[in-house]
C-alpha cells in the first residue's frame, strides 16, 4: 500500500490529536500513514496564549517541511476560529506559501477548515455542538461557524481552561452535555469541537442515540486529509462523515 507522511502542528500540551488521528487513518484500507508533529507552546486555552501560540507557526512549518511531509494539519481549531471569520483560509494559504518557498508542495489543512468542510460534505446547515472552552471562546467558535453559513441551533461550553485537563474530560460528561441540547431539527452534532477533547469512543454511540450524523474535530480532520490526498474518505466506525454510501443520505 502507498505510504503517506502526515505533518501535525499541535499545541505543546496536546496529547489527543497524535492518538486519535493515527487511530483513525490507520483504519484505511488502501493506504499507510506516518505522523510527524511539531509543537507550539500553549498550556491554557485563553485568547492571549492562543495568540502567542500562533506566533510560533512558522518555526513549526519549517520543521515539518524538513521532514518531507505530504500533508500538514494545523491542529488547533479554536486558535484559528478566535482569529475571526475566514482565518482558516488565511492561515492555510500562508502555510502553503511558506512551504512552496522552501520547495515543498505539501497540501495544507486545518482543524477549523476541516470542520467546515466536513459539515458541508454532510450537507448540514443547522447544527449543534459541544466545546470544552470557556464561554467567551466558545462564543467565538459559534460566531465563526455562523459566518460560514451554519445555523448553530444549540451549543454547550464545558468551561475547561487548562488544556491538559481538556484531554481528561470523561466521555460521559461530553455525552451528558449533548443530551442537554435541544437537537430538534439539527442536521449534525459536533460532539467535540476541539482536537484535544477525546471523541472517538463517542461517535458511534452518539449517532445511535441521537439519530443524526455526529462529527468531531478528529473525524473532520481525517476526512479533510484523505480528500486532500485524493484518497477514499472511508473509515470504519468513524461516523457517517466517513461512510460515503450513507453520507449524503444522512
Protein backbone atom coordinates (compact mmCIF):
# COMPACT_ATOMS: atom_id res chain seq x y z
CA UNK A 1 0.00 0.00 0.00
CA UNK A 2 1.07 3.55 -0.63
CA UNK A 3 2.58 5.35 2.37
CA UNK A 4 1.75 8.97 3.18
CA UNK A 5 3.69 11.21 5.56
CA UNK A 6 1.42 13.49 7.64
CA UNK A 7 2.67 16.57 9.48
CA UNK A 8 0.84 17.90 12.54
CA UNK A 9 1.18 21.36 14.05
CA UNK A 10 -0.10 20.95 17.61
CA UNK A 11 -0.20 22.85 20.91
CA UNK A 12 2.58 21.68 23.22
CA UNK A 13 0.06 20.41 25.80
CA UNK A 14 -1.99 18.45 23.29
CA UNK A 15 -1.89 14.67 23.81
CA UNK A 16 -5.04 13.67 21.93
CA UNK A 17 -4.62 14.50 18.25
CA UNK A 18 -1.49 12.32 17.98
CA UNK A 19 -3.54 9.45 19.38
CA UNK A 20 -6.88 9.88 17.63
CA UNK A 21 -5.74 10.85 14.13
CA UNK A 22 -3.42 7.85 13.73
CA UNK A 23 -6.11 5.60 15.22
CA UNK A 24 -8.49 6.83 12.53
CA UNK A 25 -6.24 6.90 9.48
CA UNK A 26 -4.61 3.57 10.26
CA UNK A 27 -8.05 2.01 9.64
CA UNK A 28 -7.77 2.96 5.96
CA UNK A 29 -7.98 0.00 3.62
CA UNK A 30 -5.81 1.38 0.82
CA UNK A 31 -3.01 3.46 2.38
CA UNK A 32 -0.44 3.55 5.16
CA UNK A 33 0.47 6.69 7.11
CA UNK A 34 3.24 8.01 9.32
CA UNK A 35 2.76 11.02 11.61
CA UNK A 36 5.24 13.77 12.43
CA UNK A 37 4.43 16.56 14.88
CA UNK A 38 5.88 19.96 15.68
CA UNK A 39 4.72 21.76 18.82
CA UNK A 40 3.77 25.33 19.75
CA UNK A 41 3.89 26.27 23.44
CA UNK A 42 0.41 26.59 24.99
CA UNK A 43 -0.91 25.47 28.37
CA UNK A 44 -4.08 27.48 28.99
CA UNK A 45 -6.81 27.91 26.38
CA UNK A 46 -7.05 31.69 26.56
CA UNK A 47 -7.04 34.41 23.93
CA UNK A 48 -3.57 35.60 24.98
CA UNK A 49 -1.98 32.14 24.95
CA UNK A 50 -3.61 31.28 21.63
CA UNK A 51 -2.11 34.41 20.05
CA UNK A 52 1.31 33.59 21.48
CA UNK A 53 1.00 30.04 20.23
CA UNK A 54 0.05 31.08 16.70
CA UNK A 55 3.16 33.28 16.57
CA UNK A 56 5.25 30.07 16.63
CA UNK A 57 3.67 28.71 13.46
CA UNK A 58 6.45 29.49 11.01
CA UNK A 59 9.06 27.56 13.01
CA UNK A 60 6.79 24.51 13.14
CA UNK A 61 6.13 24.64 9.40
CA UNK A 62 9.88 24.83 8.70
CA UNK A 63 10.47 21.76 10.85
CA UNK A 64 7.75 19.76 9.13
CA UNK A 65 9.00 20.87 5.72
CA UNK A 66 12.38 19.39 6.64
CA UNK A 67 10.61 16.05 7.26
CA UNK A 68 9.27 15.99 3.71
CA UNK A 69 5.64 15.60 4.73
CA UNK A 70 2.97 15.21 2.08
CA UNK A 71 0.20 16.96 4.03
CA UNK A 72 0.06 19.22 7.08
CA UNK A 73 -2.83 19.64 9.52
CA UNK A 74 -2.80 22.77 11.69
CA UNK A 75 -4.38 21.00 14.63
CA UNK A 76 -5.87 23.60 16.94
CA UNK A 77 -9.41 24.56 15.99
CA UNK A 78 -10.05 27.43 18.41
CA UNK A 79 -6.66 29.04 17.73
CA UNK A 80 -7.85 29.89 14.22
CA UNK A 81 -11.54 30.46 14.88
CA UNK A 82 -10.62 33.02 17.56
CA UNK A 83 -8.92 34.98 14.77
CA UNK A 84 -12.25 35.87 13.19
CA UNK A 85 -14.15 34.83 10.06
CA UNK A 86 -12.08 33.31 7.27
CA UNK A 87 -8.96 32.84 9.43
CA UNK A 88 -8.53 29.19 8.45
CA UNK A 89 -8.32 30.18 4.79
CA UNK A 90 -5.73 32.88 5.52
CA UNK A 91 -3.57 30.59 7.64
CA UNK A 92 -3.77 27.63 5.26
CA UNK A 93 -2.72 29.92 2.38
CA UNK A 94 0.14 31.42 4.41
CA UNK A 95 1.45 27.99 5.37
CA UNK A 96 1.21 26.76 1.76
CA UNK A 97 3.17 29.82 0.59
CA UNK A 98 5.84 29.24 3.22
CA UNK A 99 6.18 25.60 2.18
CA UNK A 100 6.31 26.49 -1.51
CA UNK A 101 9.13 28.96 -0.85
CA UNK A 102 11.10 26.04 0.59
CA UNK A 103 10.31 23.79 -2.36
CA UNK A 104 7.52 21.75 -0.76
CA UNK A 105 4.16 21.14 -2.41
CA UNK A 106 2.56 19.59 0.69
CA UNK A 107 -1.18 20.15 0.98
CA UNK A 108 -2.27 22.22 3.97
CA UNK A 109 -5.40 21.80 6.05
CA UNK A 110 -6.53 23.00 9.48
CA UNK A 111 -8.87 21.61 12.10
CA UNK A 112 -11.00 24.75 11.76
CA UNK A 113 -11.31 24.42 8.00
CA UNK A 114 -11.78 20.66 8.22
CA UNK A 115 -14.83 21.04 10.45
CA UNK A 116 -16.40 23.44 7.96
CA UNK A 117 -15.52 21.07 5.10
CA UNK A 118 -16.92 18.03 6.90
CA UNK A 119 -20.21 19.70 7.80
CA UNK A 120 -20.66 20.82 4.20
CA UNK A 121 -19.95 17.30 2.97
CA UNK A 122 -22.84 16.16 5.17
CA UNK A 123 -24.99 18.93 3.68
CA UNK A 124 -25.55 20.08 7.26
CA UNK A 125 -26.96 23.56 7.70
CA UNK A 126 -28.46 23.50 11.20
CA UNK A 127 -26.03 22.12 13.74
CA UNK A 128 -25.38 21.65 17.46
CA UNK A 129 -22.03 21.44 19.17
CA UNK A 130 -20.21 20.64 22.39
CA UNK A 131 -17.00 22.53 23.17
CA UNK A 132 -14.58 22.32 26.12
CA UNK A 133 -13.84 26.06 26.05
CA UNK A 134 -14.58 28.92 28.39
CA UNK A 135 -17.75 30.66 27.27
CA UNK A 136 -16.12 33.69 25.55
CA UNK A 137 -14.03 31.43 23.31
CA UNK A 138 -16.98 29.11 22.71
CA UNK A 139 -18.98 32.13 21.56
CA UNK A 140 -16.24 32.92 19.04
CA UNK A 141 -16.46 29.37 17.68
CA UNK A 142 -20.23 29.73 17.32
CA UNK A 143 -19.81 33.09 15.56
CA UNK A 144 -17.17 31.63 13.23
CA UNK A 145 -19.44 28.79 12.16
CA UNK A 146 -22.33 31.22 11.70
CA UNK A 147 -20.11 33.31 9.42
CA UNK A 148 -19.50 30.14 7.37
CA UNK A 149 -23.25 29.83 6.82
CA UNK A 150 -24.26 27.37 9.54
CA UNK A 151 -27.09 27.90 11.98
CA UNK A 152 -25.83 26.86 15.41
CA UNK A 153 -29.14 25.86 16.95
CA UNK A 154 -27.74 24.66 20.29
CA UNK A 155 -24.33 24.56 21.93
CA UNK A 156 -22.62 23.87 25.22
CA UNK A 157 -19.32 25.08 26.67
CA UNK A 158 -17.78 22.82 29.33
CA UNK A 159 -15.68 25.74 30.65
CA UNK A 160 -12.31 23.97 30.93
CA UNK A 161 -9.36 26.37 30.57
CA UNK A 162 -6.44 24.04 31.34
CA UNK A 163 -5.58 22.33 28.05
CA UNK A 164 -4.12 19.28 29.80
CA UNK A 165 -7.42 18.90 31.67
CA UNK A 166 -9.35 19.05 28.38
CA UNK A 167 -7.70 15.75 27.41
CA UNK A 168 -9.11 14.18 30.58
CA UNK A 169 -12.75 15.20 30.12
CA UNK A 170 -14.66 11.93 30.52
CA UNK A 171 -16.89 10.72 27.72
CA UNK A 172 -19.95 10.55 29.96
CA UNK A 173 -19.61 14.27 30.67
CA UNK A 174 -19.48 15.01 26.94
CA UNK A 175 -22.47 12.77 26.24
CA UNK A 176 -24.34 14.38 29.13
CA UNK A 177 -23.74 17.80 27.62
CA UNK A 178 -25.05 16.56 24.28
CA UNK A 179 -28.17 15.15 25.95
CA UNK A 180 -28.87 18.57 27.45
CA UNK A 181 -29.03 20.13 23.97
CA UNK A 182 -32.25 20.56 22.01
CA UNK A 183 -31.40 18.60 18.87
CA UNK A 184 -34.78 19.07 17.23
CA UNK A 185 -34.28 19.62 13.52
CA UNK A 186 -30.47 19.65 13.54
CA UNK A 187 -28.63 18.15 10.59
CA UNK A 188 -25.49 17.21 12.55
CA UNK A 189 -24.00 17.20 16.03
CA UNK A 190 -20.38 18.20 16.61
CA UNK A 191 -19.62 16.08 19.68
CA UNK A 192 -16.14 17.58 20.18
CA UNK A 193 -15.22 20.92 18.62
CA UNK A 194 -11.62 20.51 19.81
CA UNK A 195 -8.82 18.14 18.81
CA UNK A 196 -7.75 17.85 22.46
CA UNK A 197 -11.14 16.65 23.79
CA UNK A 198 -11.37 12.87 23.21
CA UNK A 199 -14.12 11.84 20.81
CA UNK A 200 -13.52 8.55 19.01
CA UNK A 201 -15.23 6.39 21.59
CA UNK A 202 -18.36 8.55 21.41
CA UNK A 203 -19.14 8.83 17.70
CA UNK A 204 -20.97 5.55 17.08
CA UNK A 205 -22.90 5.64 20.36
CA UNK A 206 -23.93 9.25 19.81
CA UNK A 207 -25.14 8.57 16.28
CA UNK A 208 -27.17 5.64 17.54
CA UNK A 209 -28.67 7.59 20.44
CA UNK A 210 -29.38 10.91 18.75
CA UNK A 211 -30.21 9.73 15.24
CA UNK A 212 -28.16 12.40 13.45
CA UNK A 213 -24.68 12.44 11.88
CA UNK A 214 -22.06 13.04 14.57
CA UNK A 215 -18.66 14.53 13.82
CA UNK A 216 -15.69 15.71 15.84
CA UNK A 217 -12.60 17.76 15.12
CA UNK A 218 -10.73 14.46 14.79
CA UNK A 219 -13.06 12.81 12.28
CA UNK A 220 -13.35 16.03 10.30
CA UNK A 221 -9.55 16.30 10.21
CA UNK A 222 -9.24 12.74 8.94
CA UNK A 223 -11.88 13.41 6.27
CA UNK A 224 -10.11 16.56 5.10
CA UNK A 225 -6.68 14.94 4.94
CA UNK A 226 -7.97 11.95 2.99
CA UNK A 227 -9.83 14.05 0.43
CA UNK A 228 -6.88 16.44 0.04
CA UNK A 229 -4.63 13.47 -0.75
CA UNK A 230 -7.11 12.08 -3.27
CA UNK A 231 -7.82 9.02 -1.13
CA UNK A 232 -11.25 7.49 -0.44
CA UNK A 233 -12.67 9.16 2.67
CA UNK A 234 -13.91 5.91 4.13
CA UNK A 235 -13.02 4.65 7.60
CA UNK A 236 -14.94 2.05 9.60
CA UNK A 237 -16.52 3.01 12.90
CA UNK A 238 -15.94 6.75 12.45
CA UNK A 239 -19.45 8.00 11.79
CA UNK A 240 -21.45 8.89 8.70
CA UNK A 241 -18.97 11.52 7.50
CA UNK A 242 -16.53 8.72 6.76
CA UNK A 243 -19.10 6.36 5.25
CA UNK A 244 -19.63 7.64 1.70
CA UNK A 245 -22.51 5.27 1.00
CA UNK A 246 -24.67 6.90 3.66
CA UNK A 247 -23.15 10.38 3.94
CA UNK A 248 -25.47 12.24 1.61
CA UNK A 249 -28.49 10.29 2.81
CA UNK A 250 -27.91 11.41 6.39
